[in-house]
Amino acid sequence: MGEKRDYYEILGVSKGADDGELKKAFRSMARKFHPDKNDAPDADERFKEIQEAYAVLSDSQKRAQYDRFGHDTPGGSPFGAGGFQGFNINFDDILGGDLFSNIFGGGRSRSRSSQRQGQDILLRHEISLESVLNGSKEEVEVDLPSHCEDCEGTGARDGKTTACDECNGKGQVRVRQQIGPFVQDVVRECPHCEGSGRKA
């Protein structure tokens, strides 16, 4: 890999850039060069370069050291003897959400107040060819399941539920997962209460 590029140049910001400008630039560059989004042969290297630049410039001590000495930091790399090994970054702070959901669509878990979409209902109903060709409409009766009157659909004997122990009634849990060099906190629907925050 040749000589190291200037971290400010990598992120496309000036040396006087504040934290907000750094986050914005990092967000833009991370999306542009993420290897899953960019097929260019150098995308992986560029992405690592962007991570390294942001890791240094977003840390006030490392940034001051870099501003003073550049890549020739006394004692070697600002990352210690092992060099850059990736870093723990919380994308909720930078992007206001899950990086990969933001990049590839999806979005955050639904709130527990949102309605779940029901399952499709399959029904066998015979109609004549003439009805099909004429585009006629027919009414069909469908028996749908309804909530139990005793528990009001909660599954609890007296209809009263308690807060889910797993998510403390929030309906969401925070999961830490490693994706490449990142350790990322991701908010997911609680699997125990299925996002309701309540249990029978």
N, C-alpha and C. Protein backbone atom coordinates (compact mmCIF):
# COMPACT_ATOMS: atom_id res chain seq x y z
N MET A 1 0.86 -1.17 0.00
CA MET A 1 0.00 0.00 0.00
C MET A 1 0.89 1.21 0.00
N GLY A 2 1.08 2.15 -0.61
CA GLY A 2 2.05 3.24 -0.57
C GLY A 2 2.01 4.05 0.69
N GLU A 3 2.40 5.29 0.53
CA GLU A 3 2.43 6.20 1.67
C GLU A 3 1.00 6.50 2.14
N LYS A 4 0.87 6.65 3.47
CA LYS A 4 -0.46 6.91 4.04
C LYS A 4 -0.99 8.27 3.61
N ARG A 5 -2.27 8.33 3.26
CA ARG A 5 -2.91 9.59 2.87
C ARG A 5 -3.30 10.38 4.11
N ASP A 6 -3.43 11.67 3.92
CA ASP A 6 -3.85 12.56 4.99
C ASP A 6 -5.27 12.23 5.42
N TYR A 7 -5.50 12.10 6.73
CA TYR A 7 -6.82 11.73 7.24
C TYR A 7 -7.90 12.74 6.87
N TYR A 8 -7.56 14.01 6.89
CA TYR A 8 -8.54 15.04 6.52
C TYR A 8 -8.92 14.91 5.05
N GLU A 9 -7.92 14.60 4.24
CA GLU A 9 -8.15 14.43 2.80
C GLU A 9 -9.04 13.21 2.55
N ILE A 10 -8.79 12.13 3.30
CA ILE A 10 -9.58 10.91 3.15
C ILE A 10 -11.06 11.18 3.39
N LEU A 11 -11.35 11.97 4.44
CA LEU A 11 -12.75 12.27 4.77
C LEU A 11 -13.29 13.48 4.00
N GLY A 12 -12.40 14.19 3.30
CA GLY A 12 -12.83 15.34 2.51
C GLY A 12 -13.25 16.52 3.37
N VAL A 13 -12.55 16.73 4.49
CA VAL A 13 -12.88 17.85 5.38
C VAL A 13 -11.64 18.70 5.61
N SER A 14 -11.86 19.93 6.08
CA SER A 14 -10.74 20.82 6.38
C SER A 14 -10.19 20.48 7.76
N LYS A 15 -8.99 20.97 8.06
CA LYS A 15 -8.37 20.71 9.37
C LYS A 15 -9.16 21.34 10.50
N GLY A 16 -9.97 22.33 10.21
CA GLY A 16 -10.77 22.98 11.25
C GLY A 16 -12.15 22.36 11.42
N ALA A 17 -12.41 21.23 10.77
CA ALA A 17 -13.75 20.60 10.82
C ALA A 17 -14.14 20.25 12.24
N ASP A 18 -15.40 20.55 12.60
CA ASP A 18 -15.87 20.20 13.95
C ASP A 18 -16.43 18.77 13.94
N ASP A 19 -16.87 18.31 15.12
CA ASP A 19 -17.37 16.94 15.25
C ASP A 19 -18.54 16.65 14.30
N GLY A 20 -19.43 17.62 14.16
CA GLY A 20 -20.58 17.43 13.28
C GLY A 20 -20.17 17.23 11.83
N GLU A 21 -19.20 18.04 11.37
CA GLU A 21 -18.72 17.90 9.99
C GLU A 21 -18.01 16.57 9.79
N LEU A 22 -17.26 16.13 10.82
CA LEU A 22 -16.57 14.83 10.73
C LEU A 22 -17.58 13.70 10.61
N LYS A 23 -18.61 13.73 11.46
CA LYS A 23 -19.64 12.68 11.42
C LYS A 23 -20.33 12.64 10.07
N LYS A 24 -20.67 13.82 9.56
CA LYS A 24 -21.37 13.91 8.27
C LYS A 24 -20.49 13.35 7.15
N ALA A 25 -19.21 13.73 7.16
CA ALA A 25 -18.28 13.26 6.13
C ALA A 25 -18.08 11.75 6.24
N PHE A 26 -17.91 11.26 7.48
CA PHE A 26 -17.72 9.82 7.69
C PHE A 26 -18.94 9.05 7.19
N ARG A 27 -20.11 9.55 7.53
CA ARG A 27 -21.35 8.89 7.12
C ARG A 27 -21.42 8.79 5.60
N SER A 28 -21.13 9.88 4.94
CA SER A 28 -21.20 9.92 3.48
C SER A 28 -20.18 8.98 2.85
N MET A 29 -18.94 9.04 3.35
CA MET A 29 -17.88 8.20 2.77
C MET A 29 -18.10 6.72 3.08
N ALA A 30 -18.58 6.41 4.29
CA ALA A 30 -18.83 5.01 4.66
C ALA A 30 -19.90 4.41 3.76
N ARG A 31 -20.92 5.19 3.45
CA ARG A 31 -21.96 4.69 2.54
C ARG A 31 -21.40 4.49 1.13
N LYS A 32 -20.61 5.44 0.70
CA LYS A 32 -20.09 5.42 -0.67
C LYS A 32 -19.14 4.24 -0.91
N PHE A 33 -18.29 3.95 0.09
CA PHE A 33 -17.25 2.94 -0.13
C PHE A 33 -17.47 1.64 0.62
N HIS A 34 -18.66 1.44 1.21
CA HIS A 34 -18.88 0.17 1.90
C HIS A 34 -18.76 -0.96 0.89
N PRO A 35 -17.93 -1.99 1.18
CA PRO A 35 -17.69 -3.07 0.21
C PRO A 35 -18.95 -3.79 -0.26
N ASP A 36 -19.98 -3.84 0.56
CA ASP A 36 -21.22 -4.49 0.13
C ASP A 36 -22.02 -3.62 -0.82
N LYS A 37 -21.70 -2.34 -0.87
CA LYS A 37 -22.45 -1.39 -1.69
C LYS A 37 -21.64 -0.96 -2.92
N ASN A 38 -20.32 -1.08 -2.83
CA ASN A 38 -19.43 -0.59 -3.88
C ASN A 38 -18.61 -1.76 -4.43
N ASP A 39 -18.71 -2.01 -5.74
CA ASP A 39 -18.03 -3.14 -6.35
C ASP A 39 -16.59 -2.85 -6.76
N ALA A 40 -16.13 -1.62 -6.58
CA ALA A 40 -14.77 -1.26 -6.99
C ALA A 40 -13.76 -2.14 -6.27
N PRO A 41 -12.68 -2.54 -6.96
CA PRO A 41 -11.69 -3.43 -6.34
C PRO A 41 -11.02 -2.82 -5.10
N ASP A 42 -10.95 -1.50 -5.04
CA ASP A 42 -10.28 -0.87 -3.89
C ASP A 42 -11.26 -0.43 -2.81
N ALA A 43 -12.54 -0.79 -2.94
CA ALA A 43 -13.56 -0.33 -1.98
C ALA A 43 -13.24 -0.77 -0.56
N ASP A 44 -12.78 -2.01 -0.40
CA ASP A 44 -12.48 -2.53 0.93
C ASP A 44 -11.35 -1.73 1.59
N GLU A 45 -10.29 -1.47 0.82
CA GLU A 45 -9.16 -0.68 1.36
C GLU A 45 -9.59 0.74 1.67
N ARG A 46 -10.38 1.33 0.79
CA ARG A 46 -10.86 2.71 1.03
C ARG A 46 -11.73 2.77 2.27
N PHE A 47 -12.58 1.75 2.45
CA PHE A 47 -13.46 1.71 3.62
C PHE A 47 -12.64 1.63 4.91
N LYS A 48 -11.60 0.79 4.92
CA LYS A 48 -10.73 0.68 6.09
C LYS A 48 -10.01 2.00 6.35
N GLU A 49 -9.60 2.65 5.28
CA GLU A 49 -8.91 3.95 5.38
C GLU A 49 -9.85 5.00 6.01
N ILE A 50 -11.10 4.98 5.58
CA ILE A 50 -12.11 5.91 6.10
C ILE A 50 -12.35 5.65 7.59
N GLN A 51 -12.45 4.37 7.97
CA GLN A 51 -12.63 4.01 9.38
C GLN A 51 -11.46 4.51 10.22
N GLU A 52 -10.25 4.27 9.72
CA GLU A 52 -9.05 4.67 10.45
C GLU A 52 -9.00 6.19 10.61
N ALA A 53 -9.29 6.91 9.53
CA ALA A 53 -9.27 8.37 9.58
C ALA A 53 -10.28 8.89 10.60
N TYR A 54 -11.47 8.32 10.59
CA TYR A 54 -12.50 8.78 11.52
C TYR A 54 -12.14 8.41 12.96
N ALA A 55 -11.56 7.23 13.15
CA ALA A 55 -11.17 6.80 14.50
C ALA A 55 -10.18 7.77 15.12
N VAL A 56 -9.27 8.29 14.32
CA VAL A 56 -8.27 9.24 14.83
C VAL A 56 -8.89 10.63 15.00
N LEU A 57 -9.55 11.13 13.97
CA LEU A 57 -10.03 12.51 14.00
C LEU A 57 -11.21 12.73 14.94
N SER A 58 -11.95 11.68 15.27
CA SER A 58 -13.09 11.84 16.18
C SER A 58 -12.66 11.74 17.64
N ASP A 59 -11.42 11.35 17.89
CA ASP A 59 -10.88 11.27 19.25
C ASP A 59 -9.99 12.49 19.47
N SER A 60 -10.37 13.37 20.39
CA SER A 60 -9.66 14.65 20.54
C SER A 60 -8.17 14.47 20.83
N GLN A 61 -7.79 13.48 21.64
CA GLN A 61 -6.37 13.27 21.95
C GLN A 61 -5.60 12.78 20.73
N LYS A 62 -6.17 11.78 20.05
CA LYS A 62 -5.50 11.24 18.86
C LYS A 62 -5.42 12.30 17.76
N ARG A 63 -6.48 13.10 17.66
CA ARG A 63 -6.50 14.15 16.64
C ARG A 63 -5.42 15.20 16.92
N ALA A 64 -5.29 15.62 18.18
CA ALA A 64 -4.26 16.61 18.53
C ALA A 64 -2.87 16.06 18.22
N GLN A 65 -2.67 14.78 18.53
CA GLN A 65 -1.37 14.14 18.26
C GLN A 65 -1.14 14.07 16.74
N TYR A 66 -2.17 13.72 16.00
CA TYR A 66 -2.05 13.62 14.54
C TYR A 66 -1.80 15.00 13.94
N ASP A 67 -2.52 16.03 14.42
CA ASP A 67 -2.33 17.39 13.91
C ASP A 67 -0.89 17.86 14.13
N ARG A 68 -0.32 17.43 15.22
CA ARG A 68 1.04 17.87 15.55
C ARG A 68 2.11 17.10 14.79
N PHE A 69 1.95 15.77 14.71
CA PHE A 69 3.00 14.93 14.14
C PHE A 69 2.63 14.22 12.84
N GLY A 70 1.39 14.28 12.43
CA GLY A 70 0.96 13.54 11.24
C GLY A 70 1.03 12.05 11.50
N HIS A 71 1.41 11.29 10.49
CA HIS A 71 1.52 9.83 10.63
C HIS A 71 2.78 9.43 11.38
N ASP A 72 3.70 10.37 11.59
CA ASP A 72 4.95 10.08 12.30
C ASP A 72 4.78 10.33 13.79
N THR A 73 3.74 9.77 14.37
CA THR A 73 3.47 9.95 15.79
C THR A 73 4.59 9.35 16.62
N PRO A 74 5.11 10.10 17.62
CA PRO A 74 6.14 9.51 18.48
C PRO A 74 5.61 8.24 19.13
N GLY A 75 6.42 7.21 19.10
CA GLY A 75 5.98 5.93 19.67
C GLY A 75 5.20 5.10 18.66
N GLY A 76 5.13 5.56 17.41
CA GLY A 76 4.47 4.77 16.37
C GLY A 76 3.04 5.18 16.14
N SER A 77 2.25 4.21 15.71
CA SER A 77 0.85 4.44 15.34
C SER A 77 0.03 4.94 16.52
N PRO A 78 -0.94 5.83 16.28
CA PRO A 78 -1.82 6.24 17.37
C PRO A 78 -2.66 5.09 17.90
N PHE A 79 -2.61 3.94 17.22
CA PHE A 79 -3.37 2.77 17.65
C PHE A 79 -2.52 1.80 18.45
N GLY A 80 -1.26 2.18 18.74
CA GLY A 80 -0.38 1.29 19.49
C GLY A 80 0.40 0.40 18.55
N ALA A 81 1.13 -0.54 19.15
CA ALA A 81 2.06 -1.39 18.38
C ALA A 81 1.35 -2.24 17.34
N GLY A 82 0.11 -2.62 17.61
CA GLY A 82 -0.60 -3.50 16.68
C GLY A 82 -1.16 -2.78 15.46
N GLY A 83 -1.07 -1.46 15.41
CA GLY A 83 -1.65 -0.72 14.30
C GLY A 83 -3.16 -0.70 14.40
N PHE A 84 -3.81 -0.30 13.31
CA PHE A 84 -5.27 -0.17 13.31
C PHE A 84 -5.90 -1.55 13.23
N GLN A 85 -6.71 -1.89 14.21
CA GLN A 85 -7.35 -3.21 14.26
C GLN A 85 -8.87 -3.10 14.21
N GLY A 86 -9.38 -1.98 13.77
CA GLY A 86 -10.81 -1.76 13.86
C GLY A 86 -11.09 -1.10 15.20
N PHE A 87 -12.31 -0.69 15.42
CA PHE A 87 -12.62 -0.02 16.67
C PHE A 87 -14.10 -0.17 16.98
N ASN A 88 -14.42 0.05 18.25
CA ASN A 88 -15.81 -0.06 18.69
C ASN A 88 -16.50 1.25 18.40
N ILE A 89 -17.47 1.22 17.52
CA ILE A 89 -18.15 2.46 17.13
C ILE A 89 -19.65 2.24 17.25
N ASN A 90 -20.33 3.17 17.85
CA ASN A 90 -21.78 3.06 18.01
C ASN A 90 -22.44 3.87 16.90
N PHE A 91 -22.98 3.20 15.90
CA PHE A 91 -23.56 3.90 14.75
C PHE A 91 -24.84 4.64 15.10
N ASP A 92 -25.45 4.29 16.24
CA ASP A 92 -26.61 5.07 16.67
C ASP A 92 -26.20 6.51 16.92
N ASP A 93 -24.98 6.70 17.48
CA ASP A 93 -24.49 8.05 17.74
C ASP A 93 -24.19 8.79 16.45
N ILE A 94 -23.60 8.10 15.50
CA ILE A 94 -23.17 8.76 14.27
C ILE A 94 -24.32 8.95 13.29
N LEU A 95 -25.09 7.91 13.09
CA LEU A 95 -26.10 7.93 12.05
C LEU A 95 -27.53 8.04 12.57
N GLY A 96 -27.68 7.95 13.86
CA GLY A 96 -29.04 7.98 14.40
C GLY A 96 -29.77 6.69 14.09
N GLY A 97 -29.06 5.61 13.87
CA GLY A 97 -29.71 4.35 13.59
C GLY A 97 -28.70 3.31 13.16
N ASP A 98 -29.17 2.19 12.74
CA ASP A 98 -28.36 1.07 12.33
C ASP A 98 -27.74 1.37 10.97
N LEU A 99 -26.42 1.38 10.88
CA LEU A 99 -25.73 1.73 9.64
C LEU A 99 -26.20 0.88 8.48
N PHE A 100 -26.23 -0.42 8.69
CA PHE A 100 -26.53 -1.30 7.57
C PHE A 100 -28.00 -1.22 7.18
N SER A 101 -28.87 -0.94 8.12
CA SER A 101 -30.26 -0.70 7.76
C SER A 101 -30.38 0.58 6.97
N ASN A 102 -29.63 1.60 7.36
CA ASN A 102 -29.67 2.87 6.64
C ASN A 102 -29.12 2.71 5.23
N ILE A 103 -28.06 1.93 5.08
CA ILE A 103 -27.45 1.77 3.77
C ILE A 103 -28.32 0.90 2.86
N PHE A 104 -28.78 -0.22 3.39
CA PHE A 104 -29.44 -1.19 2.54
C PHE A 104 -30.95 -1.20 2.67
N GLY A 105 -31.52 -0.18 3.31
CA GLY A 105 -32.96 -0.14 3.47
C GLY A 105 -33.35 -0.87 4.73
N GLY A 106 -34.59 -1.06 4.92
CA GLY A 106 -35.03 -1.73 6.14
C GLY A 106 -35.45 -0.71 7.15
N GLY A 107 -34.56 -0.21 7.90
CA GLY A 107 -34.92 0.76 8.92
C GLY A 107 -35.03 0.11 10.27
N ARG A 108 -35.38 0.89 11.24
CA ARG A 108 -35.37 0.43 12.61
C ARG A 108 -36.58 -0.45 12.91
N SER A 109 -36.48 -1.14 14.02
CA SER A 109 -37.58 -1.99 14.45
C SER A 109 -38.84 -1.16 14.62
N ARG A 110 -39.96 -1.77 14.35
CA ARG A 110 -41.19 -1.01 14.51
C ARG A 110 -41.43 -0.73 15.98
N SER A 111 -42.12 0.33 16.26
CA SER A 111 -42.42 0.64 17.65
C SER A 111 -43.48 -0.32 18.14
N ARG A 112 -43.52 -0.53 19.45
CA ARG A 112 -44.45 -1.52 19.97
C ARG A 112 -45.90 -1.09 19.82
N SER A 113 -46.12 0.21 19.57
CA SER A 113 -47.50 0.67 19.41
C SER A 113 -48.03 0.41 18.01
N SER A 114 -47.12 0.08 17.07
CA SER A 114 -47.59 -0.14 15.69
C SER A 114 -48.32 -1.47 15.58
N GLN A 115 -49.24 -1.54 14.65
CA GLN A 115 -50.03 -2.75 14.46
C GLN A 115 -49.22 -3.77 13.67
N ARG A 116 -49.38 -5.02 14.04
CA ARG A 116 -48.78 -6.09 13.26
C ARG A 116 -49.68 -6.39 12.07
N GLN A 117 -49.07 -6.68 10.95
CA GLN A 117 -49.86 -7.08 9.79
C GLN A 117 -50.26 -8.53 9.98
N GLY A 118 -51.52 -8.81 9.77
CA GLY A 118 -52.00 -10.18 9.94
C GLY A 118 -51.55 -11.08 8.81
N GLN A 119 -51.73 -12.37 9.03
CA GLN A 119 -51.36 -13.33 8.00
C GLN A 119 -52.41 -13.31 6.89
N ASP A 120 -51.98 -13.69 5.69
CA ASP A 120 -52.92 -13.78 4.58
C ASP A 120 -53.92 -14.90 4.86
N ILE A 121 -55.12 -14.72 4.37
CA ILE A 121 -56.15 -15.75 4.51
C ILE A 121 -56.36 -16.37 3.14
N LEU A 122 -56.21 -17.68 3.08
CA LEU A 122 -56.44 -18.40 1.83
C LEU A 122 -57.82 -19.03 1.89
N LEU A 123 -58.57 -18.84 0.84
CA LEU A 123 -59.94 -19.33 0.81
C LEU A 123 -60.21 -19.93 -0.57
N ARG A 124 -60.78 -21.11 -0.59
CA ARG A 124 -61.15 -21.74 -1.86
C ARG A 124 -62.60 -21.37 -2.16
N HIS A 125 -62.80 -20.75 -3.33
CA HIS A 125 -64.14 -20.32 -3.72
C HIS A 125 -64.27 -20.50 -5.22
N GLU A 126 -65.27 -21.25 -5.65
CA GLU A 126 -65.43 -21.51 -7.08
C GLU A 126 -66.31 -20.44 -7.72
N ILE A 127 -65.86 -19.98 -8.89
CA ILE A 127 -66.66 -19.03 -9.68
C ILE A 127 -66.67 -19.51 -11.12
N SER A 128 -67.66 -19.09 -11.85
CA SER A 128 -67.79 -19.54 -13.24
C SER A 128 -66.85 -18.74 -14.15
N LEU A 129 -66.55 -19.31 -15.30
CA LEU A 129 -65.71 -18.63 -16.28
C LEU A 129 -66.39 -17.34 -16.74
N GLU A 130 -67.69 -17.38 -16.85
CA GLU A 130 -68.45 -16.20 -17.26
C GLU A 130 -68.24 -15.05 -16.25
N SER A 131 -68.25 -15.37 -14.96
CA SER A 131 -68.03 -14.36 -13.92
C SER A 131 -66.64 -13.75 -14.04
N VAL A 132 -65.67 -14.60 -14.35
CA VAL A 132 -64.29 -14.12 -14.51
C VAL A 132 -64.21 -13.17 -15.69
N LEU A 133 -64.78 -13.58 -16.82
CA LEU A 133 -64.70 -12.78 -18.04
C LEU A 133 -65.47 -11.47 -17.92
N ASN A 134 -66.56 -11.46 -17.18
CA ASN A 134 -67.37 -10.25 -17.02
C ASN A 134 -66.89 -9.38 -15.86
N GLY A 135 -65.95 -9.89 -15.09
CA GLY A 135 -65.42 -9.11 -13.97
C GLY A 135 -66.44 -8.88 -12.88
N SER A 136 -67.30 -9.85 -12.65
CA SER A 136 -68.32 -9.67 -11.62
C SER A 136 -67.72 -9.74 -10.22
N LYS A 137 -68.43 -9.18 -9.26
CA LYS A 137 -68.00 -9.19 -7.86
C LYS A 137 -68.92 -10.10 -7.07
N GLU A 138 -68.34 -10.84 -6.15
CA GLU A 138 -69.14 -11.71 -5.29
C GLU A 138 -68.73 -11.49 -3.85
N GLU A 139 -69.71 -11.51 -2.96
CA GLU A 139 -69.41 -11.39 -1.53
C GLU A 139 -69.15 -12.78 -0.97
N VAL A 140 -68.16 -12.87 -0.11
CA VAL A 140 -67.79 -14.14 0.50
C VAL A 140 -67.73 -13.94 2.01
N GLU A 141 -68.32 -14.86 2.76
CA GLU A 141 -68.23 -14.77 4.22
C GLU A 141 -66.99 -15.51 4.69
N VAL A 142 -66.29 -14.88 5.62
CA VAL A 142 -65.07 -15.48 6.16
C VAL A 142 -65.16 -15.47 7.68
N ASP A 143 -64.94 -16.62 8.30
CA ASP A 143 -64.90 -16.68 9.76
C ASP A 143 -63.48 -16.32 10.21
N LEU A 144 -63.38 -15.25 10.97
CA LEU A 144 -62.08 -14.81 11.46
C LEU A 144 -61.93 -15.11 12.94
N PRO A 145 -60.73 -15.45 13.36
CA PRO A 145 -60.53 -15.65 14.80
C PRO A 145 -60.69 -14.32 15.53
N SER A 146 -61.22 -14.38 16.74
CA SER A 146 -61.38 -13.16 17.52
C SER A 146 -60.68 -13.32 18.86
N HIS A 147 -60.49 -12.22 19.55
CA HIS A 147 -59.84 -12.27 20.86
C HIS A 147 -60.69 -13.03 21.86
N CYS A 148 -60.03 -13.75 22.70
CA CYS A 148 -60.69 -14.45 23.80
C CYS A 148 -61.26 -13.41 24.76
N GLU A 149 -62.51 -13.57 25.15
CA GLU A 149 -63.14 -12.60 26.05
C GLU A 149 -62.55 -12.67 27.45
N ASP A 150 -62.09 -13.85 27.88
CA ASP A 150 -61.54 -13.99 29.23
C ASP A 150 -60.21 -13.27 29.40
N CYS A 151 -59.34 -13.41 28.40
CA CYS A 151 -57.99 -12.81 28.55
C CYS A 151 -57.79 -11.60 27.65
N GLU A 152 -58.79 -11.25 26.85
CA GLU A 152 -58.71 -10.12 25.92
C GLU A 152 -57.55 -10.25 24.94
N GLY A 153 -57.24 -11.50 24.59
CA GLY A 153 -56.19 -11.74 23.60
C GLY A 153 -54.77 -11.69 24.14
N THR A 154 -54.62 -11.54 25.46
CA THR A 154 -53.27 -11.43 26.03
C THR A 154 -52.67 -12.78 26.36
N GLY A 155 -53.51 -13.78 26.57
CA GLY A 155 -53.03 -15.09 27.00
C GLY A 155 -52.93 -15.20 28.51
N ALA A 156 -53.16 -14.11 29.22
CA ALA A 156 -53.11 -14.12 30.69
C ALA A 156 -54.48 -14.52 31.23
N ARG A 157 -54.51 -15.28 32.31
CA ARG A 157 -55.77 -15.78 32.86
C ARG A 157 -56.76 -14.66 33.17
N ASP A 158 -56.29 -13.61 33.82
CA ASP A 158 -57.20 -12.54 34.22
C ASP A 158 -57.17 -11.34 33.26
N GLY A 159 -56.47 -11.51 32.14
CA GLY A 159 -56.39 -10.42 31.17
C GLY A 159 -55.34 -9.38 31.53
N LYS A 160 -54.64 -9.61 32.64
CA LYS A 160 -53.62 -8.65 33.07
C LYS A 160 -52.24 -9.17 32.70
N THR A 161 -51.43 -8.30 32.17
CA THR A 161 -50.07 -8.67 31.78
C THR A 161 -49.07 -7.91 32.64
N THR A 162 -47.83 -8.38 32.58
CA THR A 162 -46.74 -7.70 33.30
C THR A 162 -45.68 -7.31 32.29
N ALA A 163 -44.81 -6.42 32.70
CA ALA A 163 -43.72 -5.99 31.81
C ALA A 163 -42.81 -7.18 31.51
N CYS A 164 -42.36 -7.26 30.29
CA CYS A 164 -41.45 -8.33 29.88
C CYS A 164 -40.13 -8.19 30.63
N ASP A 165 -39.65 -9.30 31.21
CA ASP A 165 -38.38 -9.28 31.96
C ASP A 165 -37.19 -9.04 31.05
N GLU A 166 -37.28 -9.54 29.83
CA GLU A 166 -36.13 -9.47 28.92
C GLU A 166 -35.84 -8.04 28.46
N CYS A 167 -36.89 -7.27 28.14
CA CYS A 167 -36.69 -5.91 27.61
C CYS A 167 -37.15 -4.83 28.57
N ASN A 168 -37.56 -5.23 29.78
CA ASN A 168 -38.06 -4.28 30.79
C ASN A 168 -39.24 -3.46 30.29
N GLY A 169 -40.09 -4.09 29.48
CA GLY A 169 -41.30 -3.43 29.01
C GLY A 169 -41.10 -2.50 27.83
N LYS A 170 -39.89 -2.45 27.26
CA LYS A 170 -39.62 -1.53 26.16
C LYS A 170 -40.01 -2.10 24.79
N GLY A 171 -40.06 -3.42 24.70
CA GLY A 171 -40.40 -4.04 23.42
C GLY A 171 -39.21 -4.20 22.50
N GLN A 172 -38.06 -3.67 22.91
CA GLN A 172 -36.85 -3.76 22.09
C GLN A 172 -35.67 -4.13 22.97
N VAL A 173 -34.72 -4.83 22.38
CA VAL A 173 -33.48 -5.17 23.09
C VAL A 173 -32.31 -4.68 22.27
N ARG A 174 -31.24 -4.34 22.96
CA ARG A 174 -30.02 -3.90 22.29
C ARG A 174 -29.08 -5.10 22.20
N VAL A 175 -28.64 -5.40 21.00
CA VAL A 175 -27.77 -6.54 20.76
C VAL A 175 -26.44 -6.03 20.24
N ARG A 176 -25.35 -6.55 20.75
CA ARG A 176 -24.02 -6.17 20.28
C ARG A 176 -23.57 -7.22 19.29
N GLN A 177 -23.19 -6.79 18.08
CA GLN A 177 -22.74 -7.74 17.08
C GLN A 177 -21.51 -7.19 16.38
N GLN A 178 -20.65 -8.11 15.94
CA GLN A 178 -19.44 -7.70 15.23
C GLN A 178 -19.65 -7.93 13.74
N ILE A 179 -19.40 -6.87 12.96
CA ILE A 179 -19.50 -6.95 11.51
C ILE A 179 -18.18 -6.43 10.99
N GLY A 180 -17.32 -7.33 10.51
CA GLY A 180 -15.98 -6.92 10.07
C GLY A 180 -15.24 -6.30 11.24
N PRO A 181 -14.66 -5.13 11.02
CA PRO A 181 -13.89 -4.50 12.10
C PRO A 181 -14.76 -3.76 13.10
N PHE A 182 -16.06 -3.69 12.86
CA PHE A 182 -16.95 -2.94 13.74
C PHE A 182 -17.56 -3.82 14.82
N VAL A 183 -17.72 -3.25 15.99
CA VAL A 183 -18.58 -3.83 17.01
C VAL A 183 -19.74 -2.85 17.09
N GLN A 184 -20.92 -3.32 16.76
CA GLN A 184 -22.05 -2.42 16.59
C GLN A 184 -23.19 -2.78 17.54
N ASP A 185 -23.80 -1.77 18.15
CA ASP A 185 -24.99 -1.96 18.95
C ASP A 185 -26.19 -1.82 18.03
N VAL A 186 -27.06 -2.83 18.03
CA VAL A 186 -28.23 -2.84 17.15
C VAL A 186 -29.47 -3.01 18.02
N VAL A 187 -30.50 -2.23 17.75
CA VAL A 187 -31.76 -2.36 18.48
C VAL A 187 -32.68 -3.27 17.68
N ARG A 188 -33.18 -4.31 18.35
CA ARG A 188 -34.05 -5.29 17.69
C ARG A 188 -35.33 -5.47 18.49
N GLU A 189 -36.35 -5.98 17.84
CA GLU A 189 -37.59 -6.31 18.54
C GLU A 189 -37.28 -7.42 19.54
N CYS A 190 -37.83 -7.31 20.73
CA CYS A 190 -37.61 -8.32 21.77
C CYS A 190 -38.25 -9.63 21.31
N PRO A 191 -37.47 -10.73 21.25
CA PRO A 191 -38.02 -12.00 20.79
C PRO A 191 -38.97 -12.65 21.80
N HIS A 192 -38.85 -12.27 23.08
CA HIS A 192 -39.67 -12.91 24.12
C HIS A 192 -41.10 -12.37 24.14
N CYS A 193 -41.26 -11.08 23.91
CA CYS A 193 -42.62 -10.50 23.94
C CYS A 193 -43.07 -10.07 22.56
N GLU A 194 -42.25 -10.35 21.53
CA GLU A 194 -42.54 -9.98 20.14
C GLU A 194 -42.82 -8.50 19.98
N GLY A 195 -42.08 -7.69 20.75
CA GLY A 195 -42.17 -6.24 20.59
C GLY A 195 -43.28 -5.56 21.37
N SER A 196 -44.08 -6.34 22.10
CA SER A 196 -45.20 -5.72 22.83
C SER A 196 -44.76 -5.10 24.15
N GLY A 197 -43.66 -5.60 24.71
CA GLY A 197 -43.19 -5.12 26.01
C GLY A 197 -43.94 -5.75 27.17
N ARG A 198 -44.91 -6.62 26.88
CA ARG A 198 -45.73 -7.24 27.93
C ARG A 198 -45.67 -8.76 27.82
N LYS A 199 -45.93 -9.43 28.92
CA LYS A 199 -46.03 -10.89 28.89
C LYS A 199 -47.19 -11.34 29.76
N ALA A 200 -47.70 -12.52 29.45
CA ALA A 200 -48.85 -13.05 30.18
C ALA A 200 -48.41 -13.61 31.52
